[in-house]
Protein backbone atom coordinates (compact mmCIF):
# COMPACT_ATOMS: atom_id res chain seq x y z
CA ARG A 1 165.56 157.95 116.44
CA PRO A 2 166.50 154.71 114.35
CA SER A 3 164.00 153.76 112.11
CA VAL A 4 161.71 150.58 112.38
CA GLU A 5 163.57 149.40 109.42
CA ARG A 6 167.03 150.04 111.09
CA LYS A 7 165.80 148.25 114.33
CA MET A 8 164.55 145.06 112.55
CA GLY A 9 167.74 144.65 110.52
CA PHE A 10 169.55 145.03 113.87
CA THR A 11 167.11 142.33 115.47
CA ASP A 12 167.34 140.04 112.42
CA CYS A 13 171.54 140.52 112.62
CA LEU A 14 171.29 139.64 116.43
CA LEU A 15 169.17 137.06 116.03
CA LEU A 16 170.86 135.01 113.18
CA LEU A 17 174.47 135.69 114.94
CA THR A 18 172.94 134.04 117.95
CA ALA A 19 171.26 131.47 116.31
CA THR A 20 174.56 130.57 114.44
CA ALA A 21 176.59 130.37 117.79
CA GLY A 22 173.94 128.42 119.23
CA PHE A 23 173.95 125.65 116.50
CA SER A 24 177.84 125.97 116.58
CA PHE A 25 177.85 125.42 120.12
CA TYR A 26 175.40 122.41 120.04
CA ARG A 27 177.05 120.87 117.12
CA ILE A 28 180.70 120.63 118.62
CA ALA A 29 179.57 120.33 122.12
CA LYS A 30 177.40 117.49 121.41
CA GLY A 31 180.23 114.77 121.69
CA GLY A 32 181.93 116.50 124.35
CA LEU A 33 184.91 119.28 124.12
CA GLY A 34 187.28 116.11 123.26
CA THR A 35 185.59 115.91 119.90
CA VAL A 36 187.88 118.86 118.69
CA LYS A 37 191.53 117.96 118.99
CA HIS A 38 193.87 120.43 119.06
CA ALA A 39 195.64 118.56 115.89
CA GLN A 40 192.36 119.46 113.86
CA VAL A 41 192.93 123.31 114.22
CA SER A 42 196.82 123.25 113.73
CA THR A 43 197.22 121.49 110.76
CA SER A 44 196.15 121.72 107.05
CA ALA A 45 196.51 119.49 103.97
CA LEU A 46 197.50 122.57 102.02
CA LEU A 47 200.02 124.29 104.58
CA SER A 48 203.02 123.19 106.92
CA THR A 49 202.05 124.01 110.48
CA PRO A 50 204.44 126.63 110.76
CA ALA A 51 203.12 128.46 107.64
CA LEU A 52 199.62 127.96 108.64
CA GLY A 53 200.64 129.53 112.14
CA TYR A 54 202.27 132.56 110.42
CA MET A 55 199.48 132.84 107.97
CA ARG A 56 196.86 133.34 110.55
CA LEU A 57 198.75 135.32 112.82
CA GLY A 58 199.45 137.61 109.99
CA ILE A 59 196.09 138.09 108.82
CA GLY A 60 194.77 138.70 112.74
CA LEU A 61 197.69 141.32 113.39
CA PHE A 62 196.94 143.08 110.18
CA GLN A 63 193.38 143.10 110.83
CA LEU A 64 193.50 144.72 114.57
CA ILE A 65 196.63 146.98 113.55
CA LEU A 66 194.19 148.12 110.60
CA LEU A 67 191.84 148.81 113.17
CA ILE A 68 193.74 150.55 115.63
CA THR A 69 195.03 152.71 113.23
CA ARG A 70 191.91 153.85 111.68
CA ILE A 71 190.49 154.51 115.31
CA ALA A 72 193.77 156.95 116.13
CA LYS A 73 192.66 158.66 113.29
CA GLY A 74 189.51 160.12 114.95
CA PRO A 75 186.25 161.22 113.58
CA PHE A 76 186.86 162.33 109.84
CA THR A 77 183.27 163.04 109.32
CA SER A 78 179.76 162.54 109.99
CA LEU A 79 176.84 159.83 109.34
CA CYS A 80 173.26 160.87 109.37
CA ASN A 81 169.90 159.31 108.47
CA ASP A 82 168.06 159.49 105.27
CA GLU A 83 166.27 162.75 106.56
CA ALA A 84 169.25 164.55 107.57
CA THR A 85 167.80 165.24 110.64
CA VAL A 86 170.28 163.06 112.74
CA CYS A 87 173.96 162.96 112.56
CA ILE A 88 176.81 161.32 114.21
CA PRO A 89 180.54 161.82 114.13
CA TYR A 90 182.15 158.70 112.03
CA GLY A 91 185.54 157.79 112.75
CA GLY A 92 187.41 157.48 115.44
CA LEU A 93 185.80 155.03 118.22
CA TRP A 94 182.68 155.89 116.29
CA ILE A 95 183.28 153.09 113.66
CA LEU A 96 182.60 150.44 116.62
CA SER A 97 179.22 151.35 116.68
CA THR A 98 178.88 149.08 113.60
CA PHE A 99 178.19 145.43 113.08
CA THR A 100 181.13 145.17 110.54
CA MET A 101 183.49 146.26 112.99
CA TRP A 102 183.05 143.85 115.62
CA CYS A 103 182.84 141.28 113.17
CA TRP A 104 185.84 142.23 111.98
CA VAL A 105 187.21 142.38 115.65
CA ALA A 106 186.19 139.09 116.46
CA GLN A 107 187.58 137.70 113.40
CA GLY A 108 191.36 139.29 114.41
CA VAL A 109 190.94 137.59 117.89
CA TYR A 110 190.46 134.39 116.32
CA PHE A 111 193.48 134.63 114.02
CA VAL A 112 195.95 135.73 116.35
CA LEU A 113 194.58 133.24 118.93
CA SER A 114 194.40 130.37 116.50
CA GLY A 115 197.98 131.56 115.04
CA LEU A 116 199.68 131.52 118.35
CA LEU A 117 198.18 128.18 119.15
CA THR A 118 199.00 126.44 115.83
CA LEU A 119 202.97 127.80 116.74
CA ASP A 120 202.68 126.30 120.05
CA LYS A 121 202.67 129.92 121.73
CA ILE A 122 200.32 129.72 123.90
CA ARG A 123 199.46 126.60 125.92
CA SER A 124 196.67 124.51 124.20
CA SER A 125 193.34 123.20 126.35
CA ASP A 126 190.08 121.95 125.27
CA ASN A 127 188.06 124.97 126.31
CA LEU A 128 190.26 127.41 123.90
CA VAL A 129 189.87 124.79 121.16
CA PHE A 130 186.59 124.65 121.85
CA PHE A 131 185.97 128.30 121.91
CA LEU A 132 187.94 128.75 118.42
CA SER A 133 185.68 126.25 117.11
CA VAL A 134 182.82 128.05 117.55
CA LEU A 135 184.08 131.16 116.76
CA TYR A 136 185.35 130.08 113.54
CA GLU A 137 181.73 128.63 112.38
CA VAL A 138 180.39 132.36 113.75
CA GLN A 139 182.30 134.28 111.97
CA LEU A 140 182.71 132.48 108.84
CA CYS A 141 178.89 132.92 108.77
CA VAL A 142 178.77 136.51 109.74
CA SER A 143 181.35 137.28 107.26
CA LEU A 144 179.07 135.97 104.78
CA LEU A 145 175.97 137.94 106.02
CA VAL A 146 178.26 140.98 106.02
CA THR A 147 179.35 141.00 102.71
CA LEU A 148 176.27 140.22 101.15
CA ALA A 149 174.44 142.40 102.66
CA VAL A 150 176.79 145.56 101.80
CA SER A 151 176.85 144.50 98.14
CA CYS A 152 173.12 142.94 97.78
CA ILE A 153 171.00 145.32 99.69
CA LEU A 154 173.16 148.48 100.87
CA VAL A 155 174.86 149.73 98.09
CA PRO A 156 171.91 149.00 95.25
CA VAL A 157 169.58 150.48 97.81
CA LEU A 158 171.57 153.35 98.54
CA ALA A 159 172.15 153.90 94.45
CA LEU A 160 168.21 153.53 93.90
CA LYS A 161 167.93 156.31 96.52
CA LEU A 162 170.16 158.51 94.92
CA GLN A 163 168.62 158.09 91.18
CA ASN A 164 164.93 158.47 92.42
CA PHE A 165 165.83 161.21 94.96
CA SER A 166 163.29 164.07 95.30
CA GLY A 167 164.32 165.78 98.45
CA THR A 168 166.19 168.76 99.77
CA PRO A 169 170.05 169.24 98.99
CA LYS A 170 170.72 168.79 102.60
CA GLN A 171 169.00 165.20 102.42
CA LEU A 172 170.93 164.42 99.09
CA ALA A 173 174.25 165.64 101.03
CA ALA A 174 173.55 162.80 103.40
CA LEU A 175 173.20 160.22 100.92
CA LYS A 176 176.29 161.13 98.82
CA ASN A 177 178.25 161.40 101.96
CA ARG A 178 177.25 157.64 103.04
CA GLU A 179 178.00 156.60 99.42
CA ALA A 180 181.24 158.13 99.78
CA LEU A 181 181.99 156.34 102.70
CA LEU A 182 180.70 153.11 101.48
CA ASN A 183 183.33 153.60 98.69
CA LEU A 184 186.39 154.20 100.98
CA PRO A 185 189.30 151.72 100.57
CA PHE A 186 188.86 150.90 104.10
CA ALA A 187 185.31 150.30 104.00
CA VAL A 188 185.37 148.13 100.87
CA LEU A 189 188.10 146.17 102.76
CA VAL A 190 186.40 145.55 105.59
CA HIS A 191 183.09 144.69 103.86
CA THR A 192 184.93 142.30 101.67
CA ALA A 193 188.34 141.08 102.56
CA ASN A 194 186.66 139.45 105.92
CA LEU A 195 184.71 136.76 103.77
CA TRP A 196 188.23 136.35 101.88
CA PHE A 197 190.00 135.32 105.35
CA MET A 198 187.23 132.99 106.19
CA LEU A 199 187.39 131.48 102.98
CA LEU A 200 191.05 131.11 102.99
CA GLU A 201 190.85 129.64 106.61
CA LEU A 202 188.08 127.45 105.28
CA SER A 203 190.40 125.92 102.46
CA CYS A 204 193.20 125.48 105.00
CA ASN A 205 191.28 124.34 107.74
CA LYS A 206 191.34 120.44 109.04
């Protein structure tokens, strides 16, 4: 059974995500769908339109292909709670059980669609531009949430638990396994590159 802290953490993330989406929806929709134009999401002060489109498309394809290849490898270990009483497979489709991965998927969708739109490979519409504008603002916030939560909470708390550990060898193994998972190149990438990608988009987005 999930702990109370885990339930509260998930609820907090869900509330923050919903509030961010609601605020973005209200702010953009306040003046009508026509307030966000195709040109605004397809031009940049730093890059030419083709360069912006290919940059977005490249980032999106990288994110989605990386995720697909990771899923294709299948489960390779297990992830346990602190008491080591409940464990689930980790890897394969199981990685989609985490908040981080769904943020990663949403970013990939945003970058692919915005890249195709910038390159005029798909037909533009007010609804699509509106959807991408809201998705961008939500993903900018959740990428910040994911990176800060992992870097400033999960990793330090785990290190503190290992430093002050006084449980069973099985529980110690579970904590060390979790630490090893967080230090995997894939985990470091999805917990940090997501924010860098969105900040890059922020610097280029008009």
